[in-house]
Amino acid sequence: MGVLATRLARAEDIVPANKPLDILFLGGTGFIGPYQVEHALARGHRVTLFNRGHSTVAFDGKTELLVGNRDSKLDPGLSALKGDRKWDVVIDNSGYLPRHVRDSVKLLKDRCRRYVYISSVAVYDPAATSVTEATPLRPLPDPKNEQMSWERYGPLKAECDRIVQAALGKQATIVRPTYIVGPRDDTDRFTYWVDRVTRGGDVLAPPTRQNELQWIDARDLCPWVITLAEQDKTGIFNVAGPGYTWEETLVGLSMLSTEMVKFRWSTVELLKQLDIELPLVTPGRPSRHFDNKASLEADLTYRPLPDTAAAILKWWREQPDERRAHPDGWPTQEKERAAIQQLLAASS
């Protein structure tokens, strides 16, 4: 199945915008980018993409491509964006390093009306358990270190977030999603739980059964980002679903299974002992809630779990055998069985 085969809705069913916009996407060919671009095109907007030109994603010749690099130290750098050309909106999907974001903002801030930066809830102080848009952001201890890792992802994004806010003020719109899920999610994190639970049998479940899990379906997030651009809406928005406990989530996923499902709730000690990492699970971390009032007031809607899960499952099962044989970060069946055996032995 082609990368764009899973659509938000048929383009012919989407009502054109009252006023077409000129939209520049920094990126636009990753996980969420194509969803945004497809919706923007269906709404009748004129779309320009700036990226390295390596992606195989195509939009039937309906977009303009400017080839370059977010890193101005690498040829051709940002040269394709220089000049006096203007766009109504810039949507920054690919800003991960502060220097790259600072250079892009400096170059474009006077040539766009609205700059939408896709940030992350990973920017917040990890000690905060009840998070609003006003919760302090994480510091970046070593600004000169541009090494990207999961440990540095949050602090780096936080610094990028601060740069956009400081440089653009009310010209900026900051979107902070939690886990983004849906068809084509190449992190394979939520996909693991959809696939594993629907296969049935004894399922090794996380020790955090009452912890809250919030996500956003890309098919809800991406059209809404375009709506923010169309409405020229300023502000900062946590994009996090209503929140279910892990137990509620897994029970909800089990409704898609044709097999009997039995959850075996692990312990932090057992996961450490067997060196098991369960996707989306951080053993020992307290439950966190991300307030989503601002995004709801800005007309973001969230589809129900069965819709999201069914779409992910369909997409996953249509992937090539080689892709499904090598998912990213899934525990092996052998380790899962070993953990379940220990849990059963301890309860007998």
C-alpha atoms as a PDB file:
ATOM      1  CA  MET A   1       0.000   0.000   0.000  1.00  0.00           C
ATOM      2  CA  GLY A   2       1.376   3.413  -0.930  1.00  0.00           C
ATOM      3  CA  VAL A   3       2.380   5.856   1.772  1.00  0.00           C
ATOM      4  CA  LEU A   4      -0.581   8.106   1.020  1.00  0.00           C
ATOM      5  CA  ALA A   5      -3.168   5.388   0.628  1.00  0.00           C
ATOM      6  CA  THR A   6      -4.557   5.963   4.128  1.00  0.00           C
ATOM      7  CA  ARG A   7      -6.345   9.303   3.830  1.00  0.00           C
ATOM      8  CA  LEU A   8      -7.976  11.512   6.415  1.00  0.00           C
ATOM      9  CA  ALA A   9     -11.035  11.584   4.217  1.00  0.00           C
ATOM     10  CA  ARG A  10     -11.635  11.466   0.507  1.00  0.00           C
ATOM     11  CA  ALA A  11     -10.443  14.765  -0.938  1.00  0.00           C
ATOM     12  CA  GLU A  12     -13.722  15.242  -2.776  1.00  0.00           C
ATOM     13  CA  ASP A  13     -15.556  15.161   0.579  1.00  0.00           C
ATOM     14  CA  ILE A  14     -13.533  18.036   2.070  1.00  0.00           C
ATOM     15  CA  VAL A  15     -15.045  21.494   1.633  1.00  0.00           C
ATOM     16  CA  PRO A  16     -12.630  24.042   0.073  1.00  0.00           C
ATOM     17  CA  ALA A  17     -11.469  26.895   2.285  1.00  0.00           C
ATOM     18  CA  ASN A  18     -13.010  30.315   1.815  1.00  0.00           C
ATOM     19  CA  LYS A  19      -9.574  31.817   1.212  1.00  0.00           C
ATOM     20  CA  PRO A  20      -6.720  29.767  -0.252  1.00  0.00           C
ATOM     21  CA  LEU A  21      -3.441  30.239   1.580  1.00  0.00           C
ATOM     22  CA  ASP A  22       0.179  29.963   0.553  1.00  0.00           C
ATOM     23  CA  ILE A  23       1.603  27.439   3.026  1.00  0.00           C
ATOM     24  CA  LEU A  24       5.268  26.508   3.420  1.00  0.00           C
ATOM     25  CA  PHE A  25       5.983  23.199   5.129  1.00  0.00           C
ATOM     26  CA  LEU A  26       9.422  22.677   6.634  1.00  0.00           C
ATOM     27  CA  GLY A  27       9.509  18.921   6.222  1.00  0.00           C
ATOM     28  CA  GLY A  28       6.177  17.510   5.120  1.00  0.00           C
ATOM     29  CA  THR A  29       7.184  13.969   4.157  1.00  0.00           C
ATOM     30  CA  GLY A  30       7.500  12.192   7.514  1.00  0.00           C
ATOM     31  CA  PHE A  31       4.696  10.652   9.558  1.00  0.00           C
ATOM     32  CA  ILE A  32       2.399  13.632  10.119  1.00  0.00           C
ATOM     33  CA  GLY A  33       3.516  15.802   7.204  1.00  0.00           C
ATOM     34  CA  PRO A  34       1.653  13.945   4.443  1.00  0.00           C
ATOM     35  CA  TYR A  35      -1.583  14.028   6.437  1.00  0.00           C
ATOM     36  CA  GLN A  36      -1.241  17.800   6.775  1.00  0.00           C
ATOM     37  CA  VAL A  37      -0.297  18.344   3.145  1.00  0.00           C
ATOM     38  CA  GLU A  38      -3.105  16.172   1.803  1.00  0.00           C
ATOM     39  CA  HIS A  39      -5.659  18.058   3.878  1.00  0.00           C
ATOM     40  CA  ALA A  40      -4.225  21.434   2.890  1.00  0.00           C
ATOM     41  CA  LEU A  41      -4.422  20.496  -0.789  1.00  0.00           C
ATOM     42  CA  ALA A  42      -7.979  19.224  -0.403  1.00  0.00           C
ATOM     43  CA  ARG A  43      -8.888  22.570   1.161  1.00  0.00           C
ATOM     44  CA  GLY A  44      -7.497  24.323  -1.897  1.00  0.00           C
ATOM     45  CA  HIS A  45      -4.341  25.801  -0.407  1.00  0.00           C
ATOM     46  CA  ARG A  46      -1.128  26.337  -2.377  1.00  0.00           C
ATOM     47  CA  VAL A  47       1.599  24.175  -0.837  1.00  0.00           C
ATOM     48  CA  THR A  48       5.375  24.499  -0.901  1.00  0.00           C
ATOM     49  CA  LEU A  49       7.613  21.877   0.686  1.00  0.00           C
ATOM     50  CA  PHE A  50      11.141  22.515   1.889  1.00  0.00           C
ATOM     51  CA  ASN A  51      13.164  19.377   2.541  1.00  0.00           C
ATOM     52  CA  ARG A  52      16.192  17.442   1.384  1.00  0.00           C
ATOM     53  CA  GLY A  53      14.293  15.908  -1.528  1.00  0.00           C
ATOM     54  CA  HIS A  54      15.142  12.337  -0.475  1.00  0.00           C
ATOM     55  CA  SER A  55      11.634  11.144   0.307  1.00  0.00           C
ATOM     56  CA  THR A  56       9.607   8.980  -2.056  1.00  0.00           C
ATOM     57  CA  VAL A  57       6.395  10.694  -0.935  1.00  0.00           C
ATOM     58  CA  ALA A  58       4.690  12.348  -3.895  1.00  0.00           C
ATOM     59  CA  PHE A  59       1.601  14.516  -4.089  1.00  0.00           C
ATOM     60  CA  ASP A  60       0.651  14.043  -7.745  1.00  0.00           C
ATOM     61  CA  GLY A  61       2.518  17.153  -8.801  1.00  0.00           C
ATOM     62  CA  LYS A  62       0.274  19.382  -6.696  1.00  0.00           C
ATOM     63  CA  THR A  63       3.038  20.812  -4.521  1.00  0.00           C
ATOM     64  CA  GLU A  64       6.156  22.859  -5.143  1.00  0.00           C
ATOM     65  CA  LEU A  65       9.403  21.420  -3.798  1.00  0.00           C
ATOM     66  CA  LEU A  66      12.303  23.542  -2.603  1.00  0.00           C
ATOM     67  CA  VAL A  67      15.359  21.391  -1.946  1.00  0.00           C
ATOM     68  CA  GLY A  68      17.683  22.276   0.885  1.00  0.00           C
ATOM     69  CA  ASN A  69      18.815  21.440   4.396  1.00  0.00           C
ATOM     70  CA  ARG A  70      17.734  22.764   7.800  1.00  0.00           C
ATOM     71  CA  ASP A  71      21.440  22.796   8.669  1.00  0.00           C
ATOM     72  CA  SER A  72      22.784  25.986   7.108  1.00  0.00           C
ATOM     73  CA  LYS A  73      26.313  24.560   7.402  1.00  0.00           C
ATOM     74  CA  LEU A  74      25.515  21.851   4.842  1.00  0.00           C
ATOM     75  CA  ASP A  75      25.013  22.557   1.151  1.00  0.00           C
ATOM     76  CA  PRO A  76      22.641  23.787  -0.086  1.00  0.00           C
ATOM     77  CA  GLY A  77      21.461  24.820   3.376  1.00  0.00           C
ATOM     78  CA  LEU A  78      18.609  27.318   3.464  1.00  0.00           C
ATOM     79  CA  SER A  79      19.502  29.018   0.184  1.00  0.00           C
ATOM     80  CA  ALA A  80      16.245  27.947  -1.502  1.00  0.00           C
ATOM     81  CA  LEU A  81      14.327  29.933   1.123  1.00  0.00           C
ATOM     82  CA  LYS A  82      16.291  33.151   0.773  1.00  0.00           C
ATOM     83  CA  GLY A  83      14.896  36.188  -1.002  1.00  0.00           C
ATOM     84  CA  ASP A  84      11.738  38.217  -0.545  1.00  0.00           C
ATOM     85  CA  ARG A  85       9.104  35.590  -1.292  1.00  0.00           C
ATOM     86  CA  LYS A  86       6.312  35.466   1.292  1.00  0.00           C
ATOM     87  CA  TRP A  87       3.951  32.800   2.574  1.00  0.00           C
ATOM     88  CA  ASP A  88       0.804  33.190   4.621  1.00  0.00           C
ATOM     89  CA  VAL A  89       1.781  30.349   6.927  1.00  0.00           C
ATOM     90  CA  VAL A  90       4.918  28.365   7.755  1.00  0.00           C
ATOM     91  CA  ILE A  91       4.353  24.964   9.373  1.00  0.00           C
ATOM     92  CA  ASP A  92       7.531  23.698  11.003  1.00  0.00           C
ATOM     93  CA  ASN A  93       7.351  19.916  11.363  1.00  0.00           C
ATOM     94  CA  SER A  94      11.091  19.237  11.315  1.00  0.00           C
ATOM     95  CA  GLY A  95      12.578  21.580  13.905  1.00  0.00           C
ATOM     96  CA  TYR A  96      14.553  19.458  16.381  1.00  0.00           C
ATOM     97  CA  LEU A  97      17.819  21.355  16.880  1.00  0.00           C
ATOM     98  CA  PRO A  98      17.824  24.920  18.266  1.00  0.00           C
ATOM     99  CA  ARG A  99      20.339  26.257  15.743  1.00  0.00           C
ATOM    100  CA  HIS A 100      18.254  24.995  12.834  1.00  0.00           C
ATOM    101  CA  VAL A 101      15.064  26.520  14.230  1.00  0.00           C
ATOM    102  CA  ARG A 102      16.756  29.803  15.079  1.00  0.00           C
ATOM    103  CA  ASP A 103      18.101  30.130  11.524  1.00  0.00           C
ATOM    104  CA  SER A 104      14.749  29.308   9.944  1.00  0.00           C
ATOM    105  CA  VAL A 105      12.837  31.716  12.161  1.00  0.00           C
ATOM    106  CA  LYS A 106      15.302  34.510  11.499  1.00  0.00           C
ATOM    107  CA  LEU A 107      14.996  33.950   7.757  1.00  0.00           C
ATOM    108  CA  LEU A 108      11.207  33.660   7.588  1.00  0.00           C
ATOM    109  CA  LYS A 109       9.705  35.689  10.439  1.00  0.00           C
ATOM    110  CA  ASP A 110       9.199  38.817   8.324  1.00  0.00           C
ATOM    111  CA  ARG A 111       7.920  36.831   5.344  1.00  0.00           C
ATOM    112  CA  CYS A 112       4.990  34.975   6.888  1.00  0.00           C
ATOM    113  CA  ARG A 113       1.895  35.977   8.825  1.00  0.00           C
ATOM    114  CA  ARG A 114       1.771  32.852  11.015  1.00  0.00           C
ATOM    115  CA  TYR A 115       4.480  30.394  12.101  1.00  0.00           C
ATOM    116  CA  VAL A 116       3.140  27.079  13.412  1.00  0.00           C
ATOM    117  CA  TYR A 117       5.749  25.131  15.349  1.00  0.00           C
ATOM    118  CA  ILE A 118       5.079  21.456  16.069  1.00  0.00           C
ATOM    119  CA  SER A 119       6.586  21.017  19.516  1.00  0.00           C
ATOM    120  CA  SER A 120       5.931  18.177  21.987  1.00  0.00           C
ATOM    121  CA  VAL A 121       4.731  17.545  25.540  1.00  0.00           C
ATOM    122  CA  ALA A 122       8.256  16.192  26.067  1.00  0.00           C
ATOM    123  CA  VAL A 123       9.273  19.844  26.572  1.00  0.00           C
ATOM    124  CA  TYR A 124       7.730  19.946  30.052  1.00  0.00           C
ATOM    125  CA  ASP A 125       9.469  19.445  33.371  1.00  0.00           C
ATOM    126  CA  PRO A 126       9.283  15.647  33.851  1.00  0.00           C
ATOM    127  CA  ALA A 127       8.547  16.106  37.560  1.00  0.00           C
ATOM    128  CA  ALA A 128       5.194  17.746  36.790  1.00  0.00           C
ATOM    129  CA  THR A 129       2.300  15.304  37.011  1.00  0.00           C
ATOM    130  CA  SER A 130      -0.503  17.726  36.124  1.00  0.00           C
ATOM    131  CA  VAL A 131       0.625  19.644  33.068  1.00  0.00           C
ATOM    132  CA  THR A 132      -0.859  22.790  31.554  1.00  0.00           C
ATOM    133  CA  GLU A 133       0.573  25.018  28.847  1.00  0.00           C
ATOM    134  CA  ALA A 134       2.044  27.175  31.629  1.00  0.00           C
ATOM    135  CA  THR A 135       4.057  24.329  33.196  1.00  0.00           C
ATOM    136  CA  PRO A 136       7.807  25.153  33.113  1.00  0.00           C
ATOM    137  CA  LEU A 137       9.799  23.822  30.186  1.00  0.00           C
ATOM    138  CA  ARG A 138      12.879  21.676  30.549  1.00  0.00           C
ATOM    139  CA  PRO A 139      16.254  23.444  30.472  1.00  0.00           C
ATOM    140  CA  LEU A 140      18.911  22.578  27.906  1.00  0.00           C
ATOM    141  CA  PRO A 141      22.053  22.014  30.004  1.00  0.00           C
ATOM    142  CA  ASP A 142      24.549  22.054  27.139  1.00  0.00           C
ATOM    143  CA  PRO A 143      23.296  24.247  24.265  1.00  0.00           C
ATOM    144  CA  LYS A 144      26.394  23.595  22.151  1.00  0.00           C
ATOM    145  CA  ASN A 145      25.793  19.843  22.142  1.00  0.00           C
ATOM    146  CA  GLU A 146      23.625  19.039  19.113  1.00  0.00           C
ATOM    147  CA  GLN A 147      23.614  15.289  19.619  1.00  0.00           C
ATOM    148  CA  MET A 148      20.091  13.900  19.300  1.00  0.00           C
ATOM    149  CA  SER A 149      18.916  11.110  21.587  1.00  0.00           C
ATOM    150  CA  TRP A 150      15.700  10.173  23.387  1.00  0.00           C
ATOM    151  CA  GLU A 151      17.171  11.634  26.591  1.00  0.00           C
ATOM    152  CA  ARG A 152      17.957  14.943  24.881  1.00  0.00           C
ATOM    153  CA  TYR A 153      14.835  15.092  22.690  1.00  0.00           C
ATOM    154  CA  GLY A 154      12.705  16.918  25.271  1.00  0.00           C
ATOM    155  CA  PRO A 155      15.297  19.536  26.285  1.00  0.00           C
ATOM    156  CA  LEU A 156      16.184  20.213  22.640  1.00  0.00           C
ATOM    157  CA  LYS A 157      12.535  20.630  21.634  1.00  0.00           C
ATOM    158  CA  ALA A 158      11.993  22.869  24.672  1.00  0.00           C
ATOM    159  CA  GLU A 159      14.775  25.176  23.545  1.00  0.00           C
ATOM    160  CA  CYS A 160      13.350  25.267  20.011  1.00  0.00           C
ATOM    161  CA  ASP A 161       9.944  26.059  21.517  1.00  0.00           C
ATOM    162  CA  ARG A 162      11.428  28.975  23.477  1.00  0.00           C
ATOM    163  CA  ILE A 163      13.213  30.303  20.400  1.00  0.00           C
ATOM    164  CA  VAL A 164      10.002  30.413  18.368  1.00  0.00           C
ATOM    165  CA  GLN A 165       8.059  32.101  21.163  1.00  0.00           C
ATOM    166  CA  ALA A 166      10.772  34.696  21.861  1.00  0.00           C
ATOM    167  CA  ALA A 167      11.314  35.611  18.218  1.00  0.00           C
ATOM    168  CA  LEU A 168       7.714  35.601  17.011  1.00  0.00           C
ATOM    169  CA  GLY A 169       5.452  36.365  19.961  1.00  0.00           C
ATOM    170  CA  LYS A 170       1.789  36.318  18.902  1.00  0.00           C
ATOM    171  CA  GLN A 171       2.878  35.510  15.361  1.00  0.00           C
ATOM    172  CA  ALA A 172       3.677  32.013  16.651  1.00  0.00           C
ATOM    173  CA  THR A 173       1.361  29.071  17.226  1.00  0.00           C
ATOM    174  CA  ILE A 174       2.861  26.323  19.374  1.00  0.00           C
ATOM    175  CA  VAL A 175       1.392  22.824  19.082  1.00  0.00           C
ATOM    176  CA  ARG A 176       2.520  20.348  21.751  1.00  0.00           C
ATOM    177  CA  PRO A 177       1.227  16.848  21.003  1.00  0.00           C
ATOM    178  CA  THR A 178       1.552  13.850  23.241  1.00  0.00           C
ATOM    179  CA  TYR A 179       2.064  10.435  21.603  1.00  0.00           C
ATOM    180  CA  ILE A 180       0.999  10.738  17.966  1.00  0.00           C
ATOM    181  CA  VAL A 181      -0.484   7.474  16.751  1.00  0.00           C
ATOM    182  CA  GLY A 182      -2.236   6.126  13.692  1.00  0.00           C
ATOM    183  CA  PRO A 183      -1.533   4.410  10.379  1.00  0.00           C
ATOM    184  CA  ARG A 184       2.059   4.959   9.150  1.00  0.00           C
ATOM    185  CA  ASP A 185       3.416   5.580  12.662  1.00  0.00           C
ATOM    186  CA  ASP A 186       6.991   4.402  12.182  1.00  0.00           C
ATOM    187  CA  THR A 187       7.824   4.468  15.909  1.00  0.00           C
ATOM    188  CA  ASP A 188       5.808   1.201  16.255  1.00  0.00           C
ATOM    189  CA  ARG A 189       5.043   2.054  19.892  1.00  0.00           C
ATOM    190  CA  PHE A 190       1.246   2.160  20.051  1.00  0.00           C
ATOM    191  CA  THR A 191       1.133  -0.244  17.122  1.00  0.00           C
ATOM    192  CA  TYR A 192       2.729  -2.870  19.373  1.00  0.00           C
ATOM    193  CA  TRP A 193      -0.194  -2.823  21.765  1.00  0.00           C
ATOM    194  CA  VAL A 194      -2.777  -2.885  18.980  1.00  0.00           C
ATOM    195  CA  ASP A 195      -1.089  -5.843  17.312  1.00  0.00           C
ATOM    196  CA  ARG A 196      -0.226  -7.757  20.468  1.00  0.00           C
ATOM    197  CA  VAL A 197      -3.613  -7.484  22.161  1.00  0.00           C
ATOM    198  CA  THR A 198      -5.579  -8.367  19.045  1.00  0.00           C
ATOM    199  CA  ARG A 199      -3.462 -11.537  18.642  1.00  0.00           C
ATOM    200  CA  GLY A 200      -4.959 -12.654  21.943  1.00  0.00           C
ATOM    201  CA  GLY A 201      -3.743 -15.108  24.563  1.00  0.00           C
ATOM    202  CA  ASP A 202      -1.765 -14.148  27.664  1.00  0.00           C
ATOM    203  CA  VAL A 203      -0.482 -10.591  27.207  1.00  0.00           C
ATOM    204  CA  LEU A 204       2.287  -9.122  29.341  1.00  0.00           C
ATOM    205  CA  ALA A 205       0.822  -5.814  30.494  1.00  0.00           C
ATOM    206  CA  PRO A 206       2.649  -2.905  32.145  1.00  0.00           C
ATOM    207  CA  PRO A 207       2.949  -2.485  35.919  1.00  0.00           C
ATOM    208  CA  THR A 208       1.308   0.935  35.563  1.00  0.00           C
ATOM    209  CA  ARG A 209      -2.247  -0.323  35.021  1.00  0.00           C
ATOM    210  CA  GLN A 210      -3.857   2.768  36.641  1.00  0.00           C
ATOM    211  CA  ASN A 211      -1.516   5.293  35.048  1.00  0.00           C
ATOM    212  CA  GLU A 212      -3.079   7.561  32.477  1.00  0.00           C
ATOM    213  CA  LEU A 213      -2.217   7.219  28.795  1.00  0.00           C
ATOM    214  CA  GLN A 214      -3.000  10.079  26.417  1.00  0.00           C
ATOM    215  CA  TRP A 215      -2.483  10.062  22.675  1.00  0.00           C
ATOM    216  CA  ILE A 216      -3.628  11.883  19.552  1.00  0.00           C
ATOM    217  CA  ASP A 217      -4.527  10.240  16.264  1.00  0.00           C
ATOM    218  CA  ALA A 218      -2.590  11.837  13.402  1.00  0.00           C
ATOM    219  CA  ARG A 219      -5.836  11.929  11.457  1.00  0.00           C
ATOM    220  CA  ASP A 220      -7.253  14.291  14.102  1.00  0.00           C
ATOM    221  CA  LEU A 221      -4.107  16.322  14.742  1.00  0.00           C
ATOM    222  CA  CYS A 222      -3.173  17.139  11.168  1.00  0.00           C
ATOM    223  CA  PRO A 223      -6.408  18.628   9.775  1.00  0.00           C
ATOM    224  CA  TRP A 224      -6.670  20.656  12.975  1.00  0.00           C
ATOM    225  CA  VAL A 225      -3.191  22.122  12.410  1.00  0.00           C
ATOM    226  CA  ILE A 226      -4.410  23.354   9.031  1.00  0.00           C
ATOM    227  CA  THR A 227      -7.513  24.778  10.730  1.00  0.00           C
ATOM    228  CA  LEU A 228      -5.304  26.720  13.157  1.00  0.00           C
ATOM    229  CA  ALA A 229      -3.441  28.129  10.162  1.00  0.00           C
ATOM    230  CA  GLU A 230      -6.663  29.081   8.374  1.00  0.00           C
ATOM    231  CA  GLN A 231      -8.003  30.811  11.474  1.00  0.00           C
ATOM    232  CA  ASP A 232      -4.689  32.593  12.093  1.00  0.00           C
ATOM    233  CA  LYS A 233      -4.955  31.422  15.699  1.00  0.00           C
ATOM    234  CA  THR A 234      -2.184  32.287  18.097  1.00  0.00           C
ATOM    235  CA  GLY A 235      -1.406  30.483  21.335  1.00  0.00           C
ATOM    236  CA  ILE A 236       0.043  27.323  22.854  1.00  0.00           C
ATOM    237  CA  PHE A 237      -1.892  24.076  22.732  1.00  0.00           C
ATOM    238  CA  ASN A 238      -1.433  20.740  24.466  1.00  0.00           C
ATOM    239  CA  VAL A 239      -2.721  18.159  22.012  1.00  0.00           C
ATOM    240  CA  ALA A 240      -3.551  15.206  24.218  1.00  0.00           C
ATOM    241  CA  GLY A 241      -6.554  12.950  24.092  1.00  0.00           C
ATOM    242  CA  PRO A 242      -9.034  12.657  26.949  1.00  0.00           C
ATOM    243  CA  GLY A 243      -6.931  10.053  28.759  1.00  0.00           C
ATOM    244  CA  TYR A 244      -7.574   6.443  29.683  1.00  0.00           C
ATOM    245  CA  THR A 245      -5.820   4.294  32.201  1.00  0.00           C
ATOM    246  CA  TRP A 246      -3.597   1.580  30.805  1.00  0.00           C
ATOM    247  CA  GLU A 247      -6.156  -0.961  31.935  1.00  0.00           C
ATOM    248  CA  GLU A 248      -8.976   0.829  30.130  1.00  0.00           C
ATOM    249  CA  THR A 249      -6.836   1.175  27.011  1.00  0.00           C
ATOM    250  CA  LEU A 250      -5.860  -2.472  26.818  1.00  0.00           C
ATOM    251  CA  VAL A 251      -9.376  -3.679  27.559  1.00  0.00           C
ATOM    252  CA  GLY A 252     -10.586  -1.388  24.780  1.00  0.00           C
ATOM    253  CA  LEU A 253      -8.068  -2.876  22.356  1.00  0.00           C
ATOM    254  CA  SER A 254      -9.135  -6.395  23.310  1.00  0.00           C
ATOM    255  CA  MET A 255     -12.553  -5.725  21.777  1.00  0.00           C
ATOM    256  CA  LEU A 256     -10.905  -6.031  18.347  1.00  0.00           C
ATOM    257  CA  SER A 257      -9.539  -9.508  19.063  1.00  0.00           C
ATOM    258  CA  THR A 258     -11.257 -12.663  17.898  1.00  0.00           C
ATOM    259  CA  GLU A 259      -9.270 -14.603  20.512  1.00  0.00           C
ATOM    260  CA  MET A 260      -9.559 -14.717  24.296  1.00  0.00           C
ATOM    261  CA  VAL A 261      -7.258 -12.127  25.900  1.00  0.00           C
ATOM    262  CA  LYS A 262      -5.849 -12.374  29.406  1.00  0.00           C
ATOM    263  CA  PHE A 263      -3.697  -9.564  30.763  1.00  0.00           C
ATOM    264  CA  ARG A 264      -0.805 -10.487  33.039  1.00  0.00           C
ATOM    265  CA  TRP A 265       0.192  -7.332  34.900  1.00  0.00           C
ATOM    266  CA  SER A 266       3.940  -7.188  35.310  1.00  0.00           C
ATOM    267  CA  THR A 267       5.999  -5.562  38.043  1.00  0.00           C
ATOM    268  CA  VAL A 268       8.798  -3.028  37.798  1.00  0.00           C
ATOM    269  CA  GLU A 269      11.193  -5.550  39.338  1.00  0.00           C
ATOM    270  CA  LEU A 270      10.310  -8.277  36.832  1.00  0.00           C
ATOM    271  CA  LEU A 271      10.811  -6.002  33.838  1.00  0.00           C
ATOM    272  CA  LYS A 272      14.217  -4.994  35.154  1.00  0.00           C
ATOM    273  CA  GLN A 273      15.174  -8.579  35.965  1.00  0.00           C
ATOM    274  CA  LEU A 274      14.370  -9.839  32.448  1.00  0.00           C
ATOM    275  CA  ASP A 275      15.522  -6.644  30.714  1.00  0.00           C
ATOM    276  CA  ILE A 276      12.131  -6.093  29.087  1.00  0.00           C
ATOM    277  CA  GLU A 277      11.127  -2.733  27.667  1.00  0.00           C
ATOM    278  CA  LEU A 278       7.433  -2.368  26.922  1.00  0.00           C
ATOM    279  CA  PRO A 279       6.590   0.370  24.379  1.00  0.00           C
ATOM    280  CA  LEU A 280       5.275   3.610  25.900  1.00  0.00           C
ATOM    281  CA  VAL A 281       5.996   2.305  29.407  1.00  0.00           C
ATOM    282  CA  THR A 282       8.458   3.911  31.823  1.00  0.00           C
ATOM    283  CA  PRO A 283       8.487   1.691  34.927  1.00  0.00           C
ATOM    284  CA  GLY A 284       8.289   3.668  38.135  1.00  0.00           C
ATOM    285  CA  ARG A 285       7.191   6.937  36.540  1.00  0.00           C
ATOM    286  CA  PRO A 286       4.102   8.446  38.187  1.00  0.00           C
ATOM    287  CA  SER A 287       0.963   9.027  36.165  1.00  0.00           C
ATOM    288  CA  ARG A 288       0.840  12.317  34.243  1.00  0.00           C
ATOM    289  CA  HIS A 289      -2.116  14.263  32.926  1.00  0.00           C
ATOM    290  CA  PHE A 290      -1.820  16.805  30.117  1.00  0.00           C
ATOM    291  CA  ASP A 291      -4.563  19.424  30.230  1.00  0.00           C
ATOM    292  CA  ASN A 292      -6.209  19.753  26.807  1.00  0.00           C
ATOM    293  CA  LYS A 293      -8.754  22.495  27.487  1.00  0.00           C
ATOM    294  CA  ALA A 294      -7.128  25.000  25.124  1.00  0.00           C
ATOM    295  CA  SER A 295      -7.091  22.608  22.169  1.00  0.00           C
ATOM    296  CA  LEU A 296     -10.701  21.585  22.794  1.00  0.00           C
ATOM    297  CA  GLU A 297     -11.732  25.241  22.868  1.00  0.00           C
ATOM    298  CA  ALA A 298      -9.911  25.627  19.534  1.00  0.00           C
ATOM    299  CA  ASP A 299     -12.197  22.939  18.037  1.00  0.00           C
ATOM    300  CA  LEU A 300      -9.898  19.931  18.163  1.00  0.00           C
ATOM    301  CA  THR A 301     -11.864  16.685  18.237  1.00  0.00           C
ATOM    302  CA  TYR A 302     -10.679  13.197  19.204  1.00  0.00           C
ATOM    303  CA  ARG A 303     -11.902  10.031  17.548  1.00  0.00           C
ATOM    304  CA  PRO A 304     -12.691   7.000  19.734  1.00  0.00           C
ATOM    305  CA  LEU A 305     -10.118   4.322  20.482  1.00  0.00           C
ATOM    306  CA  PRO A 306     -11.809   1.590  18.366  1.00  0.00           C
ATOM    307  CA  ASP A 307     -11.544   3.807  15.260  1.00  0.00           C
ATOM    308  CA  THR A 308      -7.857   4.495  15.828  1.00  0.00           C
ATOM    309  CA  ALA A 309      -7.041   0.883  16.700  1.00  0.00           C
ATOM    310  CA  ALA A 310      -8.894  -0.592  13.717  1.00  0.00           C
ATOM    311  CA  ALA A 311      -7.117   1.746  11.294  1.00  0.00           C
ATOM    312  CA  ILE A 312      -3.698   0.949  12.781  1.00  0.00           C
ATOM    313  CA  LEU A 313      -4.378  -2.777  12.676  1.00  0.00           C
ATOM    314  CA  LYS A 314      -5.496  -2.669   9.043  1.00  0.00           C
ATOM    315  CA  TRP A 315      -2.448  -0.649   8.032  1.00  0.00           C
ATOM    316  CA  TRP A 316      -0.035  -2.868   9.982  1.00  0.00           C
ATOM    317  CA  ARG A 317      -1.380  -6.081   8.496  1.00  0.00           C
ATOM    318  CA  GLU A 318      -0.947  -4.640   4.999  1.00  0.00           C
ATOM    319  CA  GLN A 319       2.757  -3.948   5.522  1.00  0.00           C
ATOM    320  CA  PRO A 320       5.337  -6.206   3.830  1.00  0.00           C
ATOM    321  CA  ASP A 321       6.381  -9.313   5.737  1.00  0.00           C
ATOM    322  CA  GLU A 322       9.908  -7.944   6.145  1.00  0.00           C
ATOM    323  CA  ARG A 323       8.580  -4.766   7.761  1.00  0.00           C
ATOM    324  CA  ARG A 324       6.359  -6.640  10.202  1.00  0.00           C
ATOM    325  CA  ALA A 325       9.148  -9.081  11.031  1.00  0.00           C
ATOM    326  CA  HIS A 326      11.380  -6.249  12.271  1.00  0.00           C
ATOM    327  CA  PRO A 327       9.299  -3.793  14.311  1.00  0.00           C
ATOM    328  CA  ASP A 328      11.112  -1.167  16.316  1.00  0.00           C
ATOM    329  CA  GLY A 329      11.426  -1.735  20.048  1.00  0.00           C
ATOM    330  CA  TRP A 330       9.066  -4.678  20.566  1.00  0.00           C
ATOM    331  CA  PRO A 331       9.897  -7.248  23.264  1.00  0.00           C
ATOM    332  CA  THR A 332      10.574 -10.718  21.946  1.00  0.00           C
ATOM    333  CA  GLN A 333       7.981 -13.449  22.350  1.00  0.00           C
ATOM    334  CA  GLU A 334      10.520 -15.458  24.347  1.00  0.00           C
ATOM    335  CA  LYS A 335      10.972 -12.696  26.925  1.00  0.00           C
ATOM    336  CA  GLU A 336       7.233 -12.126  27.158  1.00  0.00           C
ATOM    337  CA  ARG A 337       6.608 -15.825  27.780  1.00  0.00           C
ATOM    338  CA  ALA A 338       9.349 -15.959  30.416  1.00  0.00           C
ATOM    339  CA  ALA A 339       7.829 -13.016  32.265  1.00  0.00           C
ATOM    340  CA  ILE A 340       4.323 -14.468  32.136  1.00  0.00           C
ATOM    341  CA  GLN A 341       5.582 -17.805  33.439  1.00  0.00           C
ATOM    342  CA  GLN A 342       7.166 -16.091  36.416  1.00  0.00           C
ATOM    343  CA  LEU A 343       3.992 -14.118  37.124  1.00  0.00           C
ATOM    344  CA  LEU A 344       1.879 -17.276  36.981  1.00  0.00           C
ATOM    345  CA  ALA A 345       4.297 -19.172  39.201  1.00  0.00           C
ATOM    346  CA  ALA A 346       4.272 -16.355  41.754  1.00  0.00           C
ATOM    347  CA  SER A 347       0.469 -16.326  41.882  1.00  0.00           C
ATOM    348  CA  SER A 348       0.019 -20.088  42.203  1.00  0.00           C
END
